[in-house]
Amino acid sequence: TTAQEAAEILRRYNVLDRCKLPSCNVVETPKDEMYFERVSNILMCSAIDAVTAMKTKAQELGLRPRVWKTDFEGEARAVGLDILAATQSGECLIAAGESTVTIMGHGDGGRNREMALSVVPSIAEDGVFIAIASDGHDNGDMAGAIVDGTTRKSATSMGLSPAEYLTNNDSQQFFDEVGDGLNTGITGANISDLVVSMRG
């Protein structure tokens, strides 16, 4: 696309007004081959590399890992439930990809925390579900969240309804309340989102 096309989309949907930004300073990426004559791109790490390393580490820890997907996509809340349902007893299910969130509410959070929030009501007593952005930034300071049976119990005892927070797309507030957000800091590596799901 061109800078002019991008600027027109921003204008058409009032993006700057909605995001309360004064300007966007759209700059077009050079397209002339002369700018790239001495450029070499080297793929240092991929989602497959990350999942392979996670599987190796899980085996070292005595777990029984299985790779679910290395390129999942779809609505975060649906993907989370799919991963949870696919997790068999006694295994460590590993996945990578990037989901999306259709914003219907007015809350804050990211796709990894939304995915984690979606599994709270269904998590087994001996289950663990972790969803994390590999770059450490899940649309905010947190990288993602970890959910287990304790998360569900904490929510119940605090009178929190995961469904209400999910409806409002407010995973940040939910995990701030229960204290199960994961903060890794910025990692400097952005390969995909990573998920681990386990059942005893």
N, C-alpha and C. Protein backbone atom coordinates (compact mmCIF):
# COMPACT_ATOMS: atom_id res chain seq x y z
N THR A 1 0.84 -1.20 0.00
CA THR A 1 0.00 0.00 0.00
C THR A 1 0.87 1.25 0.00
N THR A 2 0.26 2.35 -0.32
CA THR A 2 0.97 3.63 -0.30
C THR A 2 0.59 4.41 0.95
N ALA A 3 1.40 5.42 1.26
CA ALA A 3 1.12 6.28 2.41
C ALA A 3 -0.23 6.97 2.21
N GLN A 4 -0.53 7.36 0.97
CA GLN A 4 -1.79 8.03 0.67
C GLN A 4 -2.98 7.11 0.96
N GLU A 5 -2.87 5.83 0.58
CA GLU A 5 -3.95 4.86 0.84
C GLU A 5 -4.14 4.65 2.35
N ALA A 6 -3.03 4.54 3.08
CA ALA A 6 -3.10 4.34 4.53
C ALA A 6 -3.74 5.56 5.21
N ALA A 7 -3.35 6.75 4.78
CA ALA A 7 -3.90 7.98 5.35
C ALA A 7 -5.40 8.08 5.08
N GLU A 8 -5.83 7.63 3.92
CA GLU A 8 -7.25 7.66 3.57
C GLU A 8 -8.06 6.73 4.47
N ILE A 9 -7.52 5.56 4.78
CA ILE A 9 -8.19 4.62 5.68
C ILE A 9 -8.31 5.21 7.08
N LEU A 10 -7.24 5.84 7.56
CA LEU A 10 -7.27 6.49 8.88
C LEU A 10 -8.34 7.57 8.91
N ARG A 11 -8.44 8.36 7.81
CA ARG A 11 -9.44 9.42 7.74
C ARG A 11 -10.86 8.86 7.68
N ARG A 12 -11.04 7.83 6.84
CA ARG A 12 -12.38 7.28 6.62
C ARG A 12 -13.00 6.72 7.90
N TYR A 13 -12.18 6.11 8.74
CA TYR A 13 -12.71 5.50 9.97
C TYR A 13 -12.45 6.32 11.22
N ASN A 14 -12.04 7.58 11.04
CA ASN A 14 -11.79 8.48 12.18
C ASN A 14 -10.87 7.85 13.23
N VAL A 15 -9.84 7.16 12.76
CA VAL A 15 -8.95 6.44 13.67
C VAL A 15 -8.23 7.39 14.62
N LEU A 16 -7.74 8.50 14.11
CA LEU A 16 -7.00 9.43 14.97
C LEU A 16 -7.88 10.01 16.06
N ASP A 17 -9.13 10.34 15.73
CA ASP A 17 -10.07 10.86 16.73
C ASP A 17 -10.38 9.80 17.77
N ARG A 18 -10.64 8.58 17.32
CA ARG A 18 -10.99 7.50 18.25
C ARG A 18 -9.84 7.14 19.18
N CYS A 19 -8.62 7.20 18.65
CA CYS A 19 -7.44 6.87 19.47
C CYS A 19 -6.87 8.08 20.17
N LYS A 20 -7.51 9.25 19.94
CA LYS A 20 -7.08 10.50 20.57
C LYS A 20 -5.61 10.81 20.26
N LEU A 21 -5.25 10.65 18.97
CA LEU A 21 -3.90 10.96 18.53
C LEU A 21 -3.92 12.23 17.68
N PRO A 22 -2.92 13.10 17.85
CA PRO A 22 -2.91 14.34 17.06
C PRO A 22 -2.61 14.07 15.59
N SER A 23 -1.72 13.12 15.32
CA SER A 23 -1.38 12.78 13.93
C SER A 23 -0.75 11.40 13.92
N CYS A 24 -0.51 10.90 12.73
CA CYS A 24 0.07 9.56 12.62
C CYS A 24 1.40 9.57 11.88
N ASN A 25 1.70 10.65 11.16
CA ASN A 25 2.96 10.76 10.42
C ASN A 25 3.22 9.52 9.57
N VAL A 26 2.28 9.21 8.71
CA VAL A 26 2.40 8.03 7.86
C VAL A 26 3.56 8.22 6.89
N VAL A 27 4.48 7.27 6.89
CA VAL A 27 5.63 7.30 5.99
C VAL A 27 5.59 6.05 5.13
N GLU A 28 5.79 6.23 3.86
CA GLU A 28 5.72 5.09 2.95
C GLU A 28 7.03 4.32 2.93
N THR A 29 6.95 3.00 2.94
CA THR A 29 8.12 2.15 2.82
C THR A 29 8.68 2.27 1.40
N PRO A 30 9.99 2.46 1.25
CA PRO A 30 10.56 2.53 -0.11
C PRO A 30 10.26 1.24 -0.88
N LYS A 31 10.01 1.40 -2.18
CA LYS A 31 9.69 0.23 -3.00
C LYS A 31 10.69 0.02 -4.14
N ASP A 32 11.54 1.01 -4.38
CA ASP A 32 12.52 0.91 -5.45
C ASP A 32 13.60 -0.10 -5.08
N GLU A 33 13.91 -1.01 -5.99
CA GLU A 33 14.89 -2.07 -5.74
C GLU A 33 16.27 -1.53 -5.37
N MET A 34 16.62 -0.31 -5.82
CA MET A 34 17.96 0.22 -5.53
C MET A 34 18.22 0.36 -4.02
N TYR A 35 17.13 0.53 -3.25
CA TYR A 35 17.31 0.66 -1.79
C TYR A 35 17.62 -0.68 -1.13
N PHE A 36 17.40 -1.75 -1.84
CA PHE A 36 17.55 -3.08 -1.24
C PHE A 36 18.68 -3.90 -1.85
N GLU A 37 19.50 -3.26 -2.69
CA GLU A 37 20.57 -3.99 -3.38
C GLU A 37 21.56 -4.63 -2.41
N ARG A 38 21.82 -3.97 -1.28
CA ARG A 38 22.79 -4.51 -0.32
C ARG A 38 22.12 -4.97 0.98
N VAL A 39 20.84 -5.32 0.87
CA VAL A 39 20.09 -5.79 2.04
C VAL A 39 19.95 -7.30 1.99
N SER A 40 20.27 -7.95 3.10
CA SER A 40 20.06 -9.40 3.23
C SER A 40 19.21 -9.64 4.45
N ASN A 41 18.19 -10.45 4.30
CA ASN A 41 17.33 -10.80 5.43
C ASN A 41 17.64 -12.22 5.86
N ILE A 42 17.83 -12.39 7.16
CA ILE A 42 18.14 -13.71 7.70
C ILE A 42 17.11 -14.05 8.76
N LEU A 43 16.42 -15.15 8.59
CA LEU A 43 15.44 -15.59 9.59
C LEU A 43 16.19 -16.23 10.76
N MET A 44 16.12 -15.57 11.91
CA MET A 44 16.87 -16.03 13.08
C MET A 44 16.08 -17.04 13.91
N CYS A 45 14.78 -16.86 13.96
CA CYS A 45 13.96 -17.72 14.81
C CYS A 45 12.52 -17.68 14.30
N SER A 46 11.85 -18.80 14.38
CA SER A 46 10.46 -18.86 13.93
C SER A 46 9.60 -19.48 15.03
N ALA A 47 8.31 -19.48 14.79
CA ALA A 47 7.39 -20.11 15.74
C ALA A 47 7.70 -21.60 15.86
N ILE A 48 8.09 -22.23 14.76
CA ILE A 48 8.44 -23.65 14.80
C ILE A 48 9.67 -23.87 15.67
N ASP A 49 10.67 -22.97 15.57
CA ASP A 49 11.86 -23.07 16.43
C ASP A 49 11.46 -22.98 17.90
N ALA A 50 10.58 -22.02 18.21
CA ALA A 50 10.16 -21.83 19.60
C ALA A 50 9.42 -23.06 20.13
N VAL A 51 8.50 -23.57 19.33
CA VAL A 51 7.72 -24.74 19.76
C VAL A 51 8.63 -25.95 19.93
N THR A 52 9.60 -26.12 19.04
CA THR A 52 10.55 -27.23 19.15
C THR A 52 11.35 -27.13 20.44
N ALA A 53 11.81 -25.91 20.76
CA ALA A 53 12.56 -25.71 22.01
C ALA A 53 11.68 -25.96 23.22
N MET A 54 10.42 -25.53 23.15
CA MET A 54 9.48 -25.76 24.26
C MET A 54 9.24 -27.25 24.46
N LYS A 55 9.11 -27.97 23.37
CA LYS A 55 8.88 -29.42 23.44
C LYS A 55 10.09 -30.13 24.07
N THR A 56 11.29 -29.72 23.64
CA THR A 56 12.51 -30.30 24.20
C THR A 56 12.60 -30.05 25.70
N LYS A 57 12.31 -28.81 26.11
CA LYS A 57 12.37 -28.46 27.53
C LYS A 57 11.34 -29.23 28.33
N ALA A 58 10.14 -29.38 27.77
CA ALA A 58 9.09 -30.15 28.45
C ALA A 58 9.52 -31.59 28.67
N GLN A 59 10.18 -32.17 27.67
CA GLN A 59 10.68 -33.55 27.81
C GLN A 59 11.74 -33.63 28.89
N GLU A 60 12.62 -32.63 28.93
CA GLU A 60 13.67 -32.59 29.97
C GLU A 60 13.05 -32.51 31.36
N LEU A 61 11.90 -31.87 31.47
CA LEU A 61 11.22 -31.72 32.76
C LEU A 61 10.37 -32.94 33.10
N GLY A 62 10.39 -33.96 32.23
CA GLY A 62 9.64 -35.18 32.50
C GLY A 62 8.18 -35.10 32.11
N LEU A 63 7.82 -34.10 31.31
CA LEU A 63 6.44 -33.97 30.85
C LEU A 63 6.25 -34.73 29.54
N ARG A 64 4.99 -34.88 29.13
CA ARG A 64 4.67 -35.57 27.88
C ARG A 64 4.11 -34.53 26.90
N PRO A 65 5.01 -33.89 26.13
CA PRO A 65 4.56 -32.80 25.26
C PRO A 65 3.98 -33.30 23.93
N ARG A 66 3.06 -32.50 23.41
CA ARG A 66 2.51 -32.73 22.07
C ARG A 66 2.24 -31.37 21.45
N VAL A 67 2.68 -31.21 20.20
CA VAL A 67 2.46 -29.94 19.50
C VAL A 67 1.07 -29.98 18.88
N TRP A 68 0.26 -28.97 19.21
CA TRP A 68 -1.09 -28.87 18.66
C TRP A 68 -1.05 -28.21 17.30
N LYS A 69 -0.54 -26.99 17.23
CA LYS A 69 -0.38 -26.25 15.98
C LYS A 69 0.76 -25.26 16.13
N THR A 70 1.35 -24.88 15.00
CA THR A 70 2.39 -23.84 15.01
C THR A 70 1.91 -22.59 14.28
N ASP A 71 0.64 -22.58 13.89
CA ASP A 71 0.11 -21.43 13.14
C ASP A 71 -1.37 -21.20 13.42
N PHE A 72 -1.77 -21.36 14.70
CA PHE A 72 -3.20 -21.20 14.97
C PHE A 72 -3.64 -19.77 14.69
N GLU A 73 -4.90 -19.63 14.36
CA GLU A 73 -5.51 -18.32 14.17
C GLU A 73 -6.99 -18.45 14.49
N GLY A 74 -7.67 -17.33 14.56
CA GLY A 74 -9.09 -17.33 14.90
C GLY A 74 -9.36 -16.48 16.12
N GLU A 75 -10.61 -16.42 16.50
CA GLU A 75 -11.02 -15.63 17.67
C GLU A 75 -10.37 -16.18 18.93
N ALA A 76 -9.71 -15.32 19.70
CA ALA A 76 -8.93 -15.75 20.87
C ALA A 76 -9.73 -16.63 21.82
N ARG A 77 -10.95 -16.22 22.12
CA ARG A 77 -11.75 -16.98 23.09
C ARG A 77 -12.10 -18.36 22.55
N ALA A 78 -12.29 -18.50 21.25
CA ALA A 78 -12.59 -19.80 20.65
C ALA A 78 -11.35 -20.68 20.59
N VAL A 79 -10.21 -20.08 20.22
CA VAL A 79 -8.95 -20.83 20.14
C VAL A 79 -8.58 -21.38 21.52
N GLY A 80 -8.75 -20.55 22.55
CA GLY A 80 -8.44 -21.00 23.91
C GLY A 80 -9.23 -22.23 24.30
N LEU A 81 -10.52 -22.22 24.01
CA LEU A 81 -11.37 -23.37 24.35
C LEU A 81 -11.02 -24.59 23.50
N ASP A 82 -10.63 -24.35 22.24
CA ASP A 82 -10.21 -25.46 21.37
C ASP A 82 -8.95 -26.13 21.92
N ILE A 83 -7.99 -25.31 22.34
CA ILE A 83 -6.75 -25.86 22.89
C ILE A 83 -7.03 -26.62 24.18
N LEU A 84 -7.86 -26.04 25.03
CA LEU A 84 -8.20 -26.70 26.30
C LEU A 84 -8.87 -28.04 26.04
N ALA A 85 -9.81 -28.07 25.08
CA ALA A 85 -10.52 -29.31 24.77
C ALA A 85 -9.60 -30.37 24.17
N ALA A 86 -8.56 -29.92 23.46
CA ALA A 86 -7.64 -30.86 22.82
C ALA A 86 -6.60 -31.43 23.78
N THR A 87 -6.49 -30.83 24.97
CA THR A 87 -5.48 -31.26 25.95
C THR A 87 -5.92 -32.55 26.62
N GLN A 88 -5.16 -33.61 26.41
CA GLN A 88 -5.48 -34.91 27.00
C GLN A 88 -4.86 -35.03 28.38
N SER A 89 -5.42 -35.87 29.17
CA SER A 89 -4.92 -36.09 30.52
C SER A 89 -3.47 -36.56 30.49
N GLY A 90 -2.65 -35.94 31.28
CA GLY A 90 -1.25 -36.34 31.41
C GLY A 90 -0.32 -35.75 30.38
N GLU A 91 -0.81 -34.87 29.52
CA GLU A 91 0.06 -34.32 28.49
C GLU A 91 0.24 -32.81 28.63
N CYS A 92 1.26 -32.34 27.95
CA CYS A 92 1.58 -30.91 27.88
C CYS A 92 1.39 -30.50 26.42
N LEU A 93 0.31 -29.80 26.14
CA LEU A 93 -0.01 -29.39 24.77
C LEU A 93 0.64 -28.03 24.50
N ILE A 94 1.33 -27.93 23.37
CA ILE A 94 2.08 -26.72 23.02
C ILE A 94 1.55 -26.19 21.70
N ALA A 95 1.39 -24.87 21.61
CA ALA A 95 0.88 -24.27 20.38
C ALA A 95 1.49 -22.89 20.17
N ALA A 96 1.50 -22.48 18.90
CA ALA A 96 1.96 -21.14 18.53
C ALA A 96 1.08 -20.61 17.42
N GLY A 97 0.96 -19.30 17.35
CA GLY A 97 0.16 -18.66 16.31
C GLY A 97 -0.24 -17.27 16.76
N GLU A 98 -1.24 -16.72 16.11
CA GLU A 98 -1.75 -15.41 16.51
C GLU A 98 -3.25 -15.39 16.32
N SER A 99 -3.95 -15.15 17.41
CA SER A 99 -5.41 -15.07 17.37
C SER A 99 -5.84 -13.61 17.20
N THR A 100 -7.13 -13.40 17.16
CA THR A 100 -7.67 -12.05 17.05
C THR A 100 -8.74 -11.85 18.12
N VAL A 101 -9.06 -10.60 18.39
CA VAL A 101 -10.11 -10.26 19.33
C VAL A 101 -11.08 -9.31 18.65
N THR A 102 -12.34 -9.69 18.62
CA THR A 102 -13.37 -8.78 18.14
C THR A 102 -13.82 -7.95 19.33
N ILE A 103 -13.57 -6.66 19.29
CA ILE A 103 -13.87 -5.79 20.43
C ILE A 103 -15.36 -5.46 20.47
N MET A 104 -15.99 -5.88 21.57
CA MET A 104 -17.41 -5.61 21.77
C MET A 104 -17.66 -4.76 23.00
N GLY A 105 -16.67 -4.75 23.92
CA GLY A 105 -16.83 -4.01 25.16
C GLY A 105 -15.91 -2.80 25.22
N HIS A 106 -15.69 -2.31 26.44
CA HIS A 106 -14.89 -1.10 26.63
C HIS A 106 -13.71 -1.34 27.57
N GLY A 107 -13.36 -2.62 27.76
CA GLY A 107 -12.27 -2.94 28.68
C GLY A 107 -10.90 -2.87 28.01
N ASP A 108 -9.89 -3.34 28.74
CA ASP A 108 -8.52 -3.37 28.25
C ASP A 108 -7.99 -4.79 28.33
N GLY A 109 -6.98 -5.04 27.55
CA GLY A 109 -6.35 -6.36 27.57
C GLY A 109 -5.82 -6.70 26.19
N GLY A 110 -5.31 -7.91 26.05
CA GLY A 110 -4.76 -8.35 24.78
C GLY A 110 -5.29 -9.72 24.43
N ARG A 111 -4.91 -10.20 23.26
CA ARG A 111 -5.47 -11.47 22.79
C ARG A 111 -5.04 -12.66 23.64
N ASN A 112 -3.85 -12.63 24.23
CA ASN A 112 -3.41 -13.74 25.07
C ASN A 112 -4.17 -13.79 26.38
N ARG A 113 -4.38 -12.62 26.98
CA ARG A 113 -5.14 -12.59 28.22
C ARG A 113 -6.61 -12.90 27.97
N GLU A 114 -7.13 -12.49 26.81
CA GLU A 114 -8.52 -12.84 26.47
C GLU A 114 -8.65 -14.35 26.29
N MET A 115 -7.66 -14.95 25.64
CA MET A 115 -7.66 -16.40 25.46
C MET A 115 -7.63 -17.10 26.82
N ALA A 116 -6.75 -16.65 27.69
CA ALA A 116 -6.64 -17.24 29.03
C ALA A 116 -7.94 -17.05 29.82
N LEU A 117 -8.53 -15.87 29.72
CA LEU A 117 -9.78 -15.58 30.43
C LEU A 117 -10.89 -16.52 29.97
N SER A 118 -10.91 -16.84 28.69
CA SER A 118 -11.99 -17.68 28.14
C SER A 118 -12.00 -19.09 28.74
N VAL A 119 -10.84 -19.56 29.21
CA VAL A 119 -10.78 -20.94 29.73
C VAL A 119 -11.01 -21.03 31.24
N VAL A 120 -11.09 -19.89 31.92
CA VAL A 120 -11.21 -19.91 33.39
C VAL A 120 -12.37 -20.78 33.87
N PRO A 121 -13.59 -20.64 33.33
CA PRO A 121 -14.69 -21.44 33.85
C PRO A 121 -14.54 -22.94 33.58
N SER A 122 -13.74 -23.31 32.56
CA SER A 122 -13.64 -24.71 32.15
C SER A 122 -12.36 -25.40 32.60
N ILE A 123 -11.43 -24.66 33.19
CA ILE A 123 -10.14 -25.26 33.54
C ILE A 123 -10.33 -26.36 34.58
N ALA A 124 -9.65 -27.48 34.38
CA ALA A 124 -9.73 -28.60 35.32
C ALA A 124 -9.01 -28.24 36.61
N GLU A 125 -9.39 -28.91 37.66
CA GLU A 125 -8.76 -28.67 38.97
C GLU A 125 -7.25 -28.84 38.90
N ASP A 126 -6.79 -29.81 38.09
CA ASP A 126 -5.36 -30.07 37.96
C ASP A 126 -4.80 -29.54 36.63
N GLY A 127 -5.52 -28.62 36.01
CA GLY A 127 -5.10 -28.08 34.73
C GLY A 127 -4.32 -26.79 34.86
N VAL A 128 -3.51 -26.51 33.86
CA VAL A 128 -2.76 -25.25 33.78
C VAL A 128 -2.82 -24.79 32.33
N PHE A 129 -3.08 -23.50 32.13
CA PHE A 129 -3.17 -22.93 30.79
C PHE A 129 -2.39 -21.62 30.79
N ILE A 130 -1.43 -21.50 29.89
CA ILE A 130 -0.60 -20.31 29.80
C ILE A 130 -0.67 -19.78 28.37
N ALA A 131 -0.99 -18.50 28.21
CA ALA A 131 -0.97 -17.85 26.90
C ALA A 131 -0.13 -16.59 27.02
N ILE A 132 0.85 -16.46 26.13
CA ILE A 132 1.82 -15.37 26.28
C ILE A 132 2.27 -14.84 24.92
N ALA A 133 2.49 -13.54 24.85
CA ALA A 133 3.06 -12.92 23.65
C ALA A 133 4.57 -13.06 23.73
N SER A 134 5.19 -13.58 22.69
CA SER A 134 6.63 -13.83 22.73
C SER A 134 7.45 -12.55 22.90
N ASP A 135 6.88 -11.41 22.51
CA ASP A 135 7.62 -10.15 22.68
C ASP A 135 7.42 -9.52 24.05
N GLY A 136 6.58 -10.15 24.88
CA GLY A 136 6.35 -9.64 26.23
C GLY A 136 5.33 -8.54 26.32
N HIS A 137 4.63 -8.25 25.22
CA HIS A 137 3.70 -7.12 25.18
C HIS A 137 2.35 -7.59 24.61
N ASP A 138 1.42 -7.92 25.49
CA ASP A 138 0.09 -8.35 25.07
C ASP A 138 -0.86 -7.16 25.12
N ASN A 139 -0.64 -6.21 24.21
CA ASN A 139 -1.42 -4.97 24.17
C ASN A 139 -1.41 -4.26 25.54
N GLY A 140 -0.26 -4.26 26.18
CA GLY A 140 -0.11 -3.64 27.49
C GLY A 140 1.18 -4.13 28.14
N ASP A 141 1.34 -3.82 29.42
CA ASP A 141 2.57 -4.18 30.12
C ASP A 141 2.71 -5.68 30.35
N MET A 142 1.61 -6.39 30.44
CA MET A 142 1.66 -7.83 30.68
C MET A 142 1.91 -8.58 29.38
N ALA A 143 2.59 -9.73 29.49
CA ALA A 143 2.85 -10.57 28.32
C ALA A 143 1.70 -11.53 28.07
N GLY A 144 0.94 -11.83 29.11
CA GLY A 144 -0.16 -12.79 28.99
C GLY A 144 -0.66 -13.15 30.38
N ALA A 145 -1.11 -14.40 30.52
CA ALA A 145 -1.65 -14.82 31.82
C ALA A 145 -1.52 -16.33 31.98
N ILE A 146 -1.61 -16.77 33.23
CA ILE A 146 -1.60 -18.18 33.57
C ILE A 146 -2.89 -18.49 34.33
N VAL A 147 -3.54 -19.57 33.95
CA VAL A 147 -4.82 -19.95 34.56
C VAL A 147 -4.70 -21.38 35.08
N ASP A 148 -5.20 -21.60 36.29
CA ASP A 148 -5.31 -22.96 36.83
C ASP A 148 -6.54 -23.01 37.72
N GLY A 149 -6.69 -24.12 38.43
CA GLY A 149 -7.86 -24.26 39.30
C GLY A 149 -7.94 -23.18 40.35
N THR A 150 -6.79 -22.69 40.78
CA THR A 150 -6.76 -21.63 41.79
C THR A 150 -7.33 -20.32 41.24
N THR A 151 -7.09 -20.06 39.96
CA THR A 151 -7.63 -18.86 39.33
C THR A 151 -9.15 -18.87 39.41
N ARG A 152 -9.74 -20.02 39.07
CA ARG A 152 -11.20 -20.14 39.09
C ARG A 152 -11.73 -19.96 40.51
N LYS A 153 -11.06 -20.57 41.49
CA LYS A 153 -11.48 -20.44 42.89
C LYS A 153 -11.36 -19.00 43.38
N SER A 154 -10.27 -18.33 43.00
CA SER A 154 -10.08 -16.93 43.39
C SER A 154 -11.18 -16.05 42.82
N ALA A 155 -11.51 -16.28 41.55
CA ALA A 155 -12.56 -15.49 40.92
C ALA A 155 -13.89 -15.70 41.63
N THR A 156 -14.18 -16.94 41.97
CA THR A 156 -15.44 -17.26 42.66
C THR A 156 -15.49 -16.60 44.03
N SER A 157 -14.40 -16.72 44.78
CA SER A 157 -14.38 -16.15 46.13
C SER A 157 -14.43 -14.63 46.12
N MET A 158 -13.94 -14.03 45.04
CA MET A 158 -13.95 -12.57 44.93
C MET A 158 -15.23 -12.05 44.26
N GLY A 159 -16.11 -12.96 43.86
CA GLY A 159 -17.35 -12.57 43.21
C GLY A 159 -17.16 -12.05 41.79
N LEU A 160 -16.10 -12.51 41.13
CA LEU A 160 -15.82 -12.06 39.77
C LEU A 160 -16.42 -13.04 38.76
N SER A 161 -17.06 -12.52 37.75
CA SER A 161 -17.64 -13.34 36.70
C SER A 161 -16.75 -13.28 35.46
N PRO A 162 -16.02 -14.36 35.14
CA PRO A 162 -15.19 -14.35 33.94
C PRO A 162 -15.99 -14.01 32.69
N ALA A 163 -17.23 -14.48 32.61
CA ALA A 163 -18.06 -14.22 31.44
C ALA A 163 -18.31 -12.72 31.26
N GLU A 164 -18.56 -12.02 32.36
CA GLU A 164 -18.80 -10.57 32.28
C GLU A 164 -17.55 -9.83 31.81
N TYR A 165 -16.40 -10.21 32.34
CA TYR A 165 -15.15 -9.58 31.93
C TYR A 165 -14.87 -9.88 30.46
N LEU A 166 -15.18 -11.10 30.03
CA LEU A 166 -14.98 -11.49 28.64
C LEU A 166 -15.89 -10.68 27.72
N THR A 167 -17.15 -10.52 28.11
CA THR A 167 -18.10 -9.73 27.32
C THR A 167 -17.62 -8.30 27.14
N ASN A 168 -16.96 -7.76 28.17
CA ASN A 168 -16.47 -6.38 28.12
C ASN A 168 -15.05 -6.29 27.59
N ASN A 169 -14.47 -7.42 27.13
CA ASN A 169 -13.08 -7.45 26.67
C ASN A 169 -12.15 -6.83 27.71
N ASP A 170 -12.35 -7.21 28.97
CA ASP A 170 -11.60 -6.60 30.06
C ASP A 170 -10.72 -7.63 30.79
N SER A 171 -9.92 -8.34 30.01
CA SER A 171 -9.04 -9.36 30.60
C SER A 171 -7.98 -8.74 31.50
N GLN A 172 -7.55 -7.52 31.19
CA GLN A 172 -6.53 -6.88 32.02
C GLN A 172 -7.04 -6.70 33.45
N GLN A 173 -8.24 -6.16 33.60
CA GLN A 173 -8.79 -5.93 34.93
C GLN A 173 -9.00 -7.25 35.67
N PHE A 174 -9.48 -8.27 34.96
CA PHE A 174 -9.70 -9.56 35.60
C PHE A 174 -8.40 -10.11 36.16
N PHE A 175 -7.36 -10.14 35.35
CA PHE A 175 -6.10 -10.73 35.82
C PHE A 175 -5.37 -9.83 36.81
N ASP A 176 -5.63 -8.52 36.77
CA ASP A 176 -5.12 -7.65 37.84
C ASP A 176 -5.78 -8.01 39.16
N GLU A 177 -7.08 -8.31 39.12
CA GLU A 177 -7.82 -8.65 40.34
C GLU A 177 -7.35 -9.97 40.93
N VAL A 178 -7.24 -11.01 40.09
CA VAL A 178 -6.87 -12.34 40.62
C VAL A 178 -5.36 -12.51 40.76
N GLY A 179 -4.59 -11.62 40.14
CA GLY A 179 -3.13 -11.66 40.29
C GLY A 179 -2.44 -12.70 39.45
N ASP A 180 -3.03 -13.11 38.32
CA ASP A 180 -2.43 -14.17 37.52
C ASP A 180 -1.93 -13.69 36.15
N GLY A 181 -1.66 -12.40 36.03
CA GLY A 181 -1.04 -11.89 34.82
C GLY A 181 0.44 -12.25 34.81
N LEU A 182 1.02 -12.38 33.64
CA LEU A 182 2.45 -12.70 33.51
C LEU A 182 3.19 -11.50 32.92
N ASN A 183 4.20 -11.04 33.64
CA ASN A 183 4.99 -9.90 33.20
C ASN A 183 6.43 -10.34 32.97
N THR A 184 6.83 -10.45 31.71
CA THR A 184 8.19 -10.87 31.37
C THR A 184 9.10 -9.69 31.06
N GLY A 185 8.50 -8.52 30.87
CA GLY A 185 9.26 -7.42 30.31
C GLY A 185 9.37 -7.62 28.80
N ILE A 186 9.85 -6.61 28.09
CA ILE A 186 9.99 -6.71 26.64
C ILE A 186 11.15 -7.67 26.34
N THR A 187 10.87 -8.71 25.55
CA THR A 187 11.87 -9.76 25.30
C THR A 187 12.78 -9.44 24.12
N GLY A 188 12.33 -8.59 23.21
CA GLY A 188 13.14 -8.30 22.03
C GLY A 188 12.98 -9.34 20.93
N ALA A 189 12.09 -10.29 21.11
CA ALA A 189 11.84 -11.33 20.10
C ALA A 189 10.34 -11.44 19.86
N ASN A 190 9.92 -11.22 18.64
CA ASN A 190 8.49 -11.29 18.32
C ASN A 190 8.28 -12.32 17.22
N ILE A 191 7.99 -13.56 17.61
CA ILE A 191 7.83 -14.61 16.62
C ILE A 191 6.38 -15.07 16.50
N SER A 192 5.64 -15.04 17.60
CA SER A 192 4.22 -15.40 17.59
C SER A 192 3.75 -15.41 19.04
N ASP A 193 2.49 -15.77 19.25
CA ASP A 193 2.00 -16.01 20.59
C ASP A 193 2.24 -17.48 20.90
N LEU A 194 2.49 -17.78 22.18
CA LEU A 194 2.80 -19.14 22.60
C LEU A 194 1.83 -19.59 23.68
N VAL A 195 1.37 -20.83 23.57
CA VAL A 195 0.39 -21.36 24.53
C VAL A 195 0.88 -22.73 25.01
N VAL A 196 0.70 -22.95 26.32
CA VAL A 196 0.95 -24.26 26.93
C VAL A 196 -0.29 -24.63 27.73
N SER A 197 -0.77 -25.84 27.52
CA SER A 197 -1.94 -26.33 28.27
C SER A 197 -1.62 -27.72 28.81
N MET A 198 -1.87 -27.92 30.11
CA MET A 198 -1.55 -29.21 30.73
C MET A 198 -2.71 -29.70 31.59
N ARG A 199 -2.83 -31.01 31.66
CA ARG A 199 -3.79 -31.64 32.57
C ARG A 199 -3.10 -32.79 33.27
N GLY A 200 -3.43 -32.97 34.55
CA GLY A 200 -2.84 -34.05 35.32
C GLY A 200 -3.35 -35.41 34.91
